[in-house]
Protein backbone atom coordinates (compact mmCIF):
# COMPACT_ATOMS: atom_id res chain seq x y z
CA MET A 1 7.25 15.41 -24.02
CA TYR A 2 9.64 12.83 -25.46
CA SER A 3 9.42 9.27 -26.20
CA CYS A 4 12.09 6.53 -25.18
CA ASP A 5 13.69 7.31 -28.63
CA ASP A 6 13.90 11.03 -28.25
CA HIS A 7 11.00 11.71 -30.68
CA ALA A 8 9.22 14.85 -29.67
CA LEU A 9 5.24 14.27 -28.68
CA LYS A 10 2.95 17.19 -28.69
CA ILE A 11 0.73 17.79 -25.61
CA VAL A 12 -2.48 18.93 -27.09
CA ASP A 13 -4.60 19.19 -23.93
CA ILE A 14 -4.72 18.78 -20.26
CA GLY A 15 -7.81 17.90 -18.51
CA THR A 16 -9.56 15.59 -15.91
CA ILE A 17 -10.63 11.70 -16.42
CA LYS A 18 -12.49 9.26 -14.34
CA LEU A 19 -11.31 5.70 -13.68
CA LYS A 20 -13.79 2.97 -12.70
CA LEU A 21 -11.39 0.88 -10.26
CA HIS A 22 -11.20 -3.01 -9.68
CA ASP A 23 -13.72 -2.49 -6.73
CA GLY A 24 -16.27 -0.55 -8.56
CA THR A 25 -15.16 2.93 -6.99
CA ILE A 26 -14.86 5.96 -9.25
CA CYS A 27 -11.68 7.85 -9.18
CA THR A 28 -10.88 11.20 -10.61
CA ILE A 29 -7.33 11.93 -11.80
CA ARG A 30 -6.73 15.85 -12.54
CA GLU A 31 -4.04 17.36 -14.99
CA VAL A 32 -3.72 14.63 -17.38
CA GLN A 33 -2.11 15.35 -20.50
CA HIS A 34 -3.45 14.29 -23.70
CA VAL A 35 -0.31 13.48 -25.90
CA GLU A 36 -0.97 13.29 -29.79
CA GLY A 37 0.48 9.92 -30.99
CA LEU A 38 0.69 8.13 -27.74
CA ARG A 39 -0.91 4.72 -27.95
CA LYS A 40 -0.96 3.74 -24.30
CA ASN A 41 -2.35 5.47 -21.29
CA LEU A 42 0.66 6.03 -18.74
CA LEU A 43 0.51 6.98 -15.07
CA SER A 44 3.49 9.24 -13.74
CA LEU A 45 4.77 7.83 -10.36
CA GLY A 46 6.57 11.44 -10.03
CA GLN A 47 3.03 13.16 -9.90
CA LEU A 48 1.71 10.39 -7.47
CA ASP A 49 4.65 11.12 -5.25
CA GLU A 50 4.08 14.81 -5.37
CA LEU A 51 0.51 13.96 -4.05
CA ASP A 52 2.08 12.29 -0.91
CA CYS A 53 1.24 8.64 -2.27
CA ARG A 54 3.06 5.73 -1.58
CA ILE A 55 3.98 2.95 -4.16
CA VAL A 56 4.43 -0.45 -2.69
CA VAL A 57 5.41 -3.28 -5.17
CA GLU A 58 5.04 -6.89 -3.89
CA LYS A 59 4.69 -10.20 -5.80
CA GLY A 60 3.86 -8.78 -8.91
CA ILE A 61 1.18 -6.18 -7.41
CA MET A 62 1.72 -2.55 -7.32
CA LYS A 63 -0.25 -0.48 -4.97
CA VAL A 64 -0.66 3.35 -4.82
CA ILE A 65 -1.44 4.18 -1.14
CA ARG A 66 -2.35 7.58 0.40
CA GLY A 67 -2.52 7.33 4.16
CA ALA A 68 -4.34 4.17 4.97
CA LEU A 69 -6.29 3.89 1.74
CA VAL A 70 -5.28 2.02 -1.42
CA LEU A 71 -6.10 4.41 -4.22
CA LEU A 72 -4.72 2.35 -7.40
CA LYS A 73 -4.17 -1.32 -7.84
CA GLU A 74 -1.93 -2.63 -10.82
CA GLU A 75 -0.85 -6.05 -11.87
CA LYS A 76 2.40 -7.01 -13.62
CA VAL A 77 1.71 -7.83 -17.22
CA THR A 78 5.29 -7.93 -18.66
CA ALA A 79 8.80 -7.95 -17.14
CA ARG A 80 8.63 -4.23 -16.27
CA LEU A 81 5.20 -2.98 -16.88
CA TYR A 82 2.13 -2.86 -14.77
CA MET A 83 -1.42 -2.58 -15.93
CA LEU A 84 -3.95 -0.74 -13.66
CA LYS A 85 -7.07 -2.83 -12.62
CA GLY A 86 -9.83 -0.68 -13.89
CA GLU A 87 -10.93 1.30 -16.91
CA THR A 88 -11.30 4.73 -18.15
CA LEU A 89 -14.79 6.09 -18.37
CA LEU A 90 -16.30 8.48 -20.92
CA GLU A 91 -18.37 11.22 -19.49
CA GLY A 92 -21.58 9.50 -20.04
CA GLU A 93 -20.16 6.23 -18.52
CA ALA A 94 -19.07 8.09 -15.56
CA SER A 95 -22.61 9.33 -14.89
CA VAL A 96 -23.90 5.84 -15.38
CA ALA A 97 -21.55 4.42 -13.06
CA SER A 98 -22.35 6.72 -10.21
CA SER A 99 -25.99 6.35 -10.79
CA ASN A 100 -26.29 4.11 -7.64
CA PRO A 101 -25.69 6.47 -4.88
CA SER A 102 -26.21 4.08 -2.25
CA GLU A 103 -23.54 1.73 -3.20
CA LYS A 104 -21.13 4.60 -3.81
CA SER A 105 -22.10 6.29 -0.40
CA THR A 106 -21.81 2.81 1.34
CA ILE A 107 -18.05 2.37 -0.02
CA VAL A 108 -17.13 5.81 1.00
CA TRP A 109 -18.53 5.56 4.62
CA HIS A 110 -16.97 1.84 4.81
CA GLN A 111 -13.63 3.33 4.07
CA LYS A 112 -14.19 6.47 6.63
CA LEU A 113 -15.12 4.06 9.34
CA GLY A 114 -12.06 1.91 9.10
CA HIS A 115 -13.61 -0.85 6.95
CA MET A 116 -16.45 -1.37 9.46
CA SER A 117 -18.51 -4.54 9.15
CA GLU A 118 -21.80 -4.51 7.17
CA GLN A 119 -23.78 -5.32 10.05
CA GLY A 120 -22.43 -2.38 11.87
CA MET A 121 -23.01 0.10 9.15
CA LYS A 122 -26.67 -1.03 9.12
CA ILE A 123 -27.18 -0.28 12.79
CA LEU A 124 -25.76 3.05 12.33
CA VAL A 125 -28.15 3.73 9.36
CA GLU A 126 -31.04 2.47 11.48
CA HIS A 127 -30.28 5.05 13.96
CA SER A 128 -29.77 7.69 11.39
CA LEU A 129 -26.19 8.39 12.16
CA LEU A 130 -24.60 8.21 8.71
CA LEU A 131 -25.71 11.38 6.74
CA SER A 132 -27.12 10.90 3.11
CA LEU A 133 -27.09 6.98 3.57
CA THR A 134 -30.36 5.02 3.74
CA LYS A 135 -29.50 1.79 2.54
CA VAL A 136 -26.30 -0.50 2.84
CA LEU A 137 -25.08 -1.93 -0.24
CA LEU A 138 -21.65 -3.25 0.62
CA PRO A 139 -19.65 -4.73 -2.25
CA PHE A 140 -17.12 -7.52 -1.73
CA CYS A 141 -14.04 -5.73 -0.11
CA GLU A 142 -10.62 -7.70 -0.62
CA TYR A 143 -8.93 -5.43 1.69
CA CYS A 144 -11.04 -6.59 4.65
CA VAL A 145 -10.58 -10.02 3.84
CA THR A 146 -6.79 -9.80 3.52
CA SER A 147 -6.09 -7.53 6.62
CA LYS A 148 -8.71 -8.96 8.99
CA GLN A 149 -7.80 -12.68 8.68
CA HIS A 150 -6.27 -14.25 11.86
CA ARG A 151 -2.62 -15.22 11.81
CA LEU A 152 -1.38 -18.62 13.44
CA LYS A 153 0.58 -18.10 16.50
CA PHE A 154 4.13 -19.27 16.76
CA ASN A 155 4.55 -22.37 19.06
CA THR A 156 5.91 -21.97 22.40
CA SER A 157 9.42 -22.55 22.94
CA ASN A 158 11.42 -23.16 26.23
CA SER A 159 14.93 -23.27 24.63
CA ARG A 160 17.49 -20.95 25.67
CA SER A 161 20.96 -20.49 24.11
CA LYS A 162 23.98 -21.37 26.11
CA GLU A 163 26.38 -19.07 24.40
CA ILE A 164 26.51 -15.59 22.58
CA LEU A 165 25.08 -15.63 18.98
CA GLU A 166 23.69 -19.18 19.15
CA LEU A 167 20.30 -17.74 18.70
CA VAL A 168 19.15 -14.27 17.72
CA HIS A 169 15.63 -12.82 17.62
CA SER A 170 14.72 -10.18 15.02
CA TYR A 171 11.45 -8.10 14.41
CA VAL A 172 10.55 -5.34 12.09
CA TRP A 173 8.00 -2.94 12.88
CA GLN A 174 6.59 0.48 11.34
CA ALA A 175 6.76 3.51 13.14
CA PRO A 176 3.62 5.82 13.42
CA VAL A 177 5.64 8.73 12.47
CA PRO A 178 8.59 8.90 10.15
CA SER A 179 11.97 9.84 11.81
CA LEU A 180 13.60 13.13 10.83
CA GLY A 181 15.88 11.23 8.54
CA GLY A 182 13.11 9.67 6.69
CA ALA A 183 13.10 6.48 8.30
CA LYS A 184 9.61 4.54 8.61
CA TYR A 185 10.59 1.29 9.79
CA PHE A 186 12.76 -0.29 12.68
CA VAL A 187 14.65 -3.60 12.58
CA SER A 188 15.82 -5.05 15.91
CA PHE A 189 18.29 -7.81 16.67
CA ILE A 190 18.09 -9.48 20.23
CA ASP A 191 20.89 -11.96 21.17
CA ASP A 192 18.83 -14.69 23.28
CA TYR A 193 21.90 -15.21 25.56
CA PHE A 194 22.87 -11.66 26.62
CA ARG A 195 19.44 -10.24 25.90
CA ARG A 196 21.14 -7.30 24.24
CA CYS A 197 19.00 -5.53 21.90
CA TRP A 198 20.25 -3.66 18.63
CA VAL A 199 18.05 -1.27 16.86
CA TYR A 200 18.50 0.19 13.37
CA PRO A 201 16.17 2.68 11.50
CA ILE A 202 15.57 2.08 8.03
CA LYS A 203 13.62 3.78 5.20
CA ARG A 204 12.17 0.56 3.67
CA LYS A 205 11.58 -3.22 4.63
CA ALA A 206 13.99 -3.89 1.73
CA TYR A 207 16.92 -2.75 3.90
CA VAL A 208 16.39 -5.50 6.30
CA PHE A 209 18.78 -8.00 4.96
CA PRO A 210 21.53 -5.38 4.12
CA VAL A 211 21.34 -4.15 8.00
CA PHE A 212 21.34 -7.78 9.19
CA LYS A 213 24.87 -8.36 7.15
CA VAL A 214 26.12 -5.08 9.06
CA TYR A 215 24.95 -6.53 12.34
CA LYS A 216 26.29 -10.02 11.82
CA ALA A 217 29.68 -8.78 10.78
CA ARG A 218 29.86 -6.49 13.67
CA MET A 219 28.90 -9.03 16.56
CA GLU A 220 30.83 -11.77 14.89
CA LEU A 221 33.96 -9.28 14.95
CA GLU A 222 33.49 -8.44 18.54
CA SER A 223 32.63 -11.88 20.02
CA ARG A 224 34.66 -14.18 17.86
CA LYS A 225 31.62 -16.41 17.30
CA LYS A 226 29.24 -17.25 14.41
CA ILE A 227 25.59 -16.94 13.99
């Protein structure tokens, strides 16, 4: 292994560590390299990608997502570095952190059941439908708060455009299955006058604006109108 100044660093051991995350859950990371002389712990995005994880960076927060579950969460501390919200546990600390099986099992079942409410889980426990779980101790789940909050509706509009490109509607949606070309999202543009719809497959949401510029140039060239 080499540092940024091409200085060789020796890998003295490879093993497994446990991390206590910001929500109290314990995460196990395998094939961790112990590098002699390295003063900071680093996570390899390449290895996370090999594990079919998605890396989402937005507003100073980096999330490592696998399927529908957020595995790791990091905050930007400098211009280009993100620090994991959690701490590395020693062997003794890991056993202490997992000494409350009810809370840990509650978190696991809460995630498996699609972030079910605490009251709903208590009903299932009363009917002995959740194996090995006898008491519901659900900690604060920020993902439930952010994902289940209601969004304000758009005001109803009766306006209709009187010529082409006077009003264009756009929508971005995520496909349930990626396309053969690797596109995970689609962005659509609908001209309000002709009701003609253009759909573009994109791999990331960041490609929406470049695609819009392509759509804008093509439509303005064909119609000789301006958006």
